[in-house]
Amino acid sequence: MIHATNCAVIAIDEDGINVPKAENHEIKLKLRRKRANATYQDLWPTGSDDECISQAFASLIAEIIVRYTPGSNEWPERGEMLSEI
């Protein structure tokens, strides 16, 4: 059994994001406690989110199979498979 509760499903694409602003501690502090006002609609994934999550899950499943199948360390093309995944 693999305990994978702390793995990331998707990465955030930095295109179009002002990274210094996103990492600004003062701005984060000003936003504290505002999540309490969020609605269900604010959290509901969009169609493109859904597509990205589906692709990410398929990749995670493939990686788990290649990494943890008994004997997979001996597969001649295992490194190539992991690099493709």
N, C-alpha and C. Protein backbone atom coordinates (compact mmCIF):
# COMPACT_ATOMS: atom_id res chain seq x y z
N MET A 1 0.85 -1.18 0.00
CA MET A 1 0.00 0.00 0.00
C MET A 1 0.90 1.24 0.00
N ILE A 2 0.46 2.24 -0.73
CA ILE A 2 1.22 3.49 -0.82
C ILE A 2 0.43 4.57 -0.09
N HIS A 3 1.09 5.23 0.84
CA HIS A 3 0.46 6.33 1.55
C HIS A 3 0.81 7.61 0.80
N ALA A 4 -0.11 8.08 -0.03
CA ALA A 4 0.19 9.20 -0.91
C ALA A 4 -0.72 10.39 -0.64
N THR A 5 -1.02 10.64 0.61
CA THR A 5 -1.95 11.75 0.90
C THR A 5 -1.31 13.11 0.71
N ASN A 6 0.00 13.17 0.60
CA ASN A 6 0.64 14.47 0.47
C ASN A 6 1.24 14.69 -0.91
N CYS A 7 0.67 14.09 -1.94
CA CYS A 7 1.18 14.33 -3.29
C CYS A 7 0.32 15.38 -3.99
N ALA A 8 0.93 16.16 -4.85
CA ALA A 8 0.20 17.18 -5.60
C ALA A 8 -0.43 16.55 -6.82
N VAL A 9 -1.67 16.90 -7.07
CA VAL A 9 -2.37 16.37 -8.24
C VAL A 9 -2.06 17.22 -9.46
N ILE A 10 -2.06 18.52 -9.30
CA ILE A 10 -1.77 19.40 -10.43
C ILE A 10 -0.82 20.50 -9.99
N ALA A 11 -0.08 21.03 -10.92
CA ALA A 11 0.80 22.17 -10.66
C ALA A 11 0.11 23.42 -11.20
N ILE A 12 0.42 24.53 -10.62
CA ILE A 12 -0.14 25.79 -11.07
C ILE A 12 0.76 26.35 -12.16
N ASP A 13 0.17 26.62 -13.31
CA ASP A 13 0.91 27.20 -14.43
C ASP A 13 1.16 28.68 -14.13
N GLU A 14 2.41 29.12 -14.20
CA GLU A 14 2.76 30.49 -13.85
C GLU A 14 2.47 31.49 -14.97
N ASP A 15 2.08 31.01 -16.15
CA ASP A 15 1.76 31.94 -17.25
C ASP A 15 0.60 32.83 -16.84
N GLY A 16 0.79 34.13 -17.00
CA GLY A 16 -0.28 35.07 -16.68
C GLY A 16 -0.40 35.39 -15.20
N ILE A 17 0.49 34.85 -14.37
CA ILE A 17 0.45 35.11 -12.93
C ILE A 17 1.63 36.01 -12.57
N ASN A 18 1.36 37.04 -11.82
CA ASN A 18 2.41 37.91 -11.30
C ASN A 18 2.98 37.21 -10.06
N VAL A 19 4.04 36.44 -10.24
CA VAL A 19 4.58 35.60 -9.16
C VAL A 19 5.00 36.42 -7.94
N PRO A 20 5.75 37.52 -8.10
CA PRO A 20 6.11 38.29 -6.90
C PRO A 20 4.88 38.77 -6.13
N LYS A 21 3.84 39.20 -6.85
CA LYS A 21 2.61 39.64 -6.18
C LYS A 21 1.93 38.47 -5.49
N ALA A 22 1.91 37.31 -6.15
CA ALA A 22 1.28 36.13 -5.57
C ALA A 22 2.00 35.66 -4.32
N GLU A 23 3.30 35.93 -4.24
CA GLU A 23 4.08 35.50 -3.08
C GLU A 23 4.23 36.60 -2.03
N ASN A 24 3.61 37.75 -2.25
CA ASN A 24 3.73 38.89 -1.34
C ASN A 24 3.00 38.60 -0.03
N HIS A 25 3.75 38.60 1.06
CA HIS A 25 3.20 38.24 2.37
C HIS A 25 2.15 39.25 2.85
N GLU A 26 2.38 40.53 2.62
CA GLU A 26 1.43 41.56 3.07
C GLU A 26 0.07 41.38 2.39
N ILE A 27 0.09 41.10 1.10
CA ILE A 27 -1.17 40.88 0.38
C ILE A 27 -1.89 39.66 0.94
N LYS A 28 -1.14 38.60 1.22
CA LYS A 28 -1.75 37.40 1.80
C LYS A 28 -2.40 37.71 3.13
N LEU A 29 -1.72 38.51 3.95
CA LEU A 29 -2.28 38.85 5.26
C LEU A 29 -3.58 39.64 5.14
N LYS A 30 -3.67 40.52 4.14
CA LYS A 30 -4.89 41.30 3.92
C LYS A 30 -6.07 40.42 3.49
N LEU A 31 -5.77 39.26 2.91
CA LEU A 31 -6.83 38.36 2.44
C LEU A 31 -7.32 37.38 3.51
N ARG A 32 -6.67 37.40 4.67
CA ARG A 32 -7.05 36.46 5.73
C ARG A 32 -8.53 36.57 6.08
N ARG A 33 -9.13 35.44 6.38
CA ARG A 33 -10.51 35.29 6.81
C ARG A 33 -11.54 35.59 5.72
N LYS A 34 -11.11 35.90 4.52
CA LYS A 34 -12.07 36.19 3.45
C LYS A 34 -12.59 34.91 2.80
N ARG A 35 -11.89 33.78 3.04
CA ARG A 35 -12.38 32.51 2.49
C ARG A 35 -13.72 32.13 3.11
N ALA A 36 -14.00 32.65 4.29
CA ALA A 36 -15.27 32.35 4.96
C ALA A 36 -16.45 32.84 4.13
N ASN A 37 -16.22 33.80 3.25
CA ASN A 37 -17.30 34.34 2.41
C ASN A 37 -17.43 33.61 1.07
N ALA A 38 -16.58 32.64 0.84
CA ALA A 38 -16.61 31.91 -0.43
C ALA A 38 -17.90 31.09 -0.53
N THR A 39 -18.38 30.95 -1.75
CA THR A 39 -19.57 30.12 -1.99
C THR A 39 -19.15 28.82 -2.67
N TYR A 40 -20.06 27.92 -2.76
CA TYR A 40 -19.81 26.65 -3.43
C TYR A 40 -19.38 26.89 -4.87
N GLN A 41 -19.98 27.87 -5.53
CA GLN A 41 -19.65 28.18 -6.92
C GLN A 41 -18.21 28.65 -7.07
N ASP A 42 -17.66 29.30 -6.05
CA ASP A 42 -16.27 29.76 -6.10
C ASP A 42 -15.31 28.58 -6.14
N LEU A 43 -15.72 27.46 -5.59
CA LEU A 43 -14.85 26.29 -5.48
C LEU A 43 -15.10 25.24 -6.56
N TRP A 44 -16.18 25.35 -7.27
CA TRP A 44 -16.55 24.35 -8.27
C TRP A 44 -15.59 24.41 -9.46
N PRO A 45 -15.00 23.27 -9.86
CA PRO A 45 -14.06 23.28 -10.99
C PRO A 45 -14.74 23.65 -12.31
N THR A 46 -14.01 24.35 -13.15
CA THR A 46 -14.51 24.69 -14.48
C THR A 46 -14.27 23.49 -15.40
N GLY A 47 -14.75 23.58 -16.62
CA GLY A 47 -14.53 22.51 -17.59
C GLY A 47 -13.05 22.27 -17.85
N SER A 48 -12.27 23.36 -17.96
CA SER A 48 -10.84 23.19 -18.21
C SER A 48 -10.14 22.62 -16.98
N ASP A 49 -10.60 22.99 -15.77
CA ASP A 49 -10.05 22.39 -14.55
C ASP A 49 -10.30 20.90 -14.55
N ASP A 50 -11.50 20.52 -14.93
CA ASP A 50 -11.89 19.11 -14.96
C ASP A 50 -11.00 18.32 -15.91
N GLU A 51 -10.75 18.89 -17.09
CA GLU A 51 -9.90 18.22 -18.08
C GLU A 51 -8.47 18.06 -17.55
N CYS A 52 -7.95 19.11 -16.94
CA CYS A 52 -6.59 19.07 -16.40
C CYS A 52 -6.49 18.04 -15.28
N ILE A 53 -7.47 18.00 -14.41
CA ILE A 53 -7.47 17.04 -13.30
C ILE A 53 -7.54 15.61 -13.82
N SER A 54 -8.36 15.39 -14.83
CA SER A 54 -8.48 14.04 -15.43
C SER A 54 -7.14 13.59 -16.00
N GLN A 55 -6.46 14.47 -16.71
CA GLN A 55 -5.15 14.13 -17.27
C GLN A 55 -4.13 13.88 -16.16
N ALA A 56 -4.19 14.70 -15.12
CA ALA A 56 -3.25 14.53 -14.01
C ALA A 56 -3.46 13.19 -13.32
N PHE A 57 -4.71 12.79 -13.12
CA PHE A 57 -4.98 11.51 -12.47
C PHE A 57 -4.48 10.35 -13.31
N ALA A 58 -4.68 10.43 -14.62
CA ALA A 58 -4.19 9.37 -15.50
C ALA A 58 -2.68 9.26 -15.40
N SER A 59 -1.98 10.39 -15.34
CA SER A 59 -0.53 10.37 -15.22
C SER A 59 -0.09 9.81 -13.88
N LEU A 60 -0.78 10.19 -12.81
CA LEU A 60 -0.44 9.67 -11.48
C LEU A 60 -0.62 8.16 -11.41
N ILE A 61 -1.71 7.68 -11.98
CA ILE A 61 -1.96 6.23 -11.97
C ILE A 61 -0.88 5.50 -12.75
N ALA A 62 -0.53 6.03 -13.93
CA ALA A 62 0.52 5.41 -14.74
C ALA A 62 1.85 5.39 -13.99
N GLU A 63 2.18 6.49 -13.32
CA GLU A 63 3.44 6.56 -12.58
C GLU A 63 3.44 5.57 -11.42
N ILE A 64 2.34 5.46 -10.71
CA ILE A 64 2.26 4.51 -9.60
C ILE A 64 2.44 3.08 -10.09
N ILE A 65 1.83 2.75 -11.22
CA ILE A 65 1.96 1.40 -11.77
C ILE A 65 3.41 1.12 -12.13
N VAL A 66 4.06 2.06 -12.82
CA VAL A 66 5.45 1.84 -13.25
C VAL A 66 6.40 1.81 -12.06
N ARG A 67 6.22 2.68 -11.10
CA ARG A 67 7.14 2.73 -9.95
C ARG A 67 6.98 1.55 -8.99
N TYR A 68 5.74 1.11 -8.77
CA TYR A 68 5.50 0.20 -7.65
C TYR A 68 5.03 -1.20 -8.02
N THR A 69 4.94 -1.52 -9.30
CA THR A 69 4.63 -2.89 -9.69
C THR A 69 5.80 -3.77 -9.30
N PRO A 70 5.53 -4.88 -8.59
CA PRO A 70 6.65 -5.75 -8.21
C PRO A 70 7.47 -6.16 -9.44
N GLY A 71 8.78 -6.00 -9.34
CA GLY A 71 9.67 -6.36 -10.43
C GLY A 71 9.88 -5.27 -11.46
N SER A 72 9.20 -4.14 -11.30
CA SER A 72 9.32 -3.08 -12.31
C SER A 72 10.72 -2.49 -12.38
N ASN A 73 11.50 -2.63 -11.31
CA ASN A 73 12.89 -2.14 -11.34
C ASN A 73 13.71 -2.85 -12.41
N GLU A 74 13.26 -4.01 -12.82
CA GLU A 74 14.01 -4.80 -13.81
C GLU A 74 13.51 -4.59 -15.23
N TRP A 75 12.47 -3.80 -15.43
CA TRP A 75 11.97 -3.54 -16.78
C TRP A 75 13.03 -2.77 -17.56
N PRO A 76 13.36 -3.25 -18.77
CA PRO A 76 14.44 -2.60 -19.52
C PRO A 76 14.16 -1.14 -19.88
N GLU A 77 12.92 -0.76 -20.08
CA GLU A 77 12.61 0.60 -20.51
C GLU A 77 11.89 1.41 -19.42
N ARG A 78 12.08 1.01 -18.17
CA ARG A 78 11.38 1.66 -17.05
C ARG A 78 11.73 3.14 -16.96
N GLY A 79 12.98 3.50 -17.07
CA GLY A 79 13.40 4.91 -17.01
C GLY A 79 12.75 5.74 -18.09
N GLU A 80 12.70 5.16 -19.30
CA GLU A 80 12.06 5.85 -20.43
C GLU A 80 10.57 6.05 -20.15
N MET A 81 9.93 5.01 -19.61
CA MET A 81 8.50 5.10 -19.29
C MET A 81 8.26 6.23 -18.29
N LEU A 82 9.06 6.27 -17.22
CA LEU A 82 8.87 7.30 -16.20
C LEU A 82 9.11 8.69 -16.77
N SER A 83 10.09 8.80 -17.65
CA SER A 83 10.36 10.09 -18.25
C SER A 83 9.19 10.53 -19.16
N GLU A 84 8.57 9.60 -19.85
CA GLU A 84 7.41 9.91 -20.70
C GLU A 84 6.19 10.29 -19.85
N ILE A 85 6.02 9.57 -18.75
CA ILE A 85 4.86 9.84 -17.87
C ILE A 85 5.02 11.22 -17.29
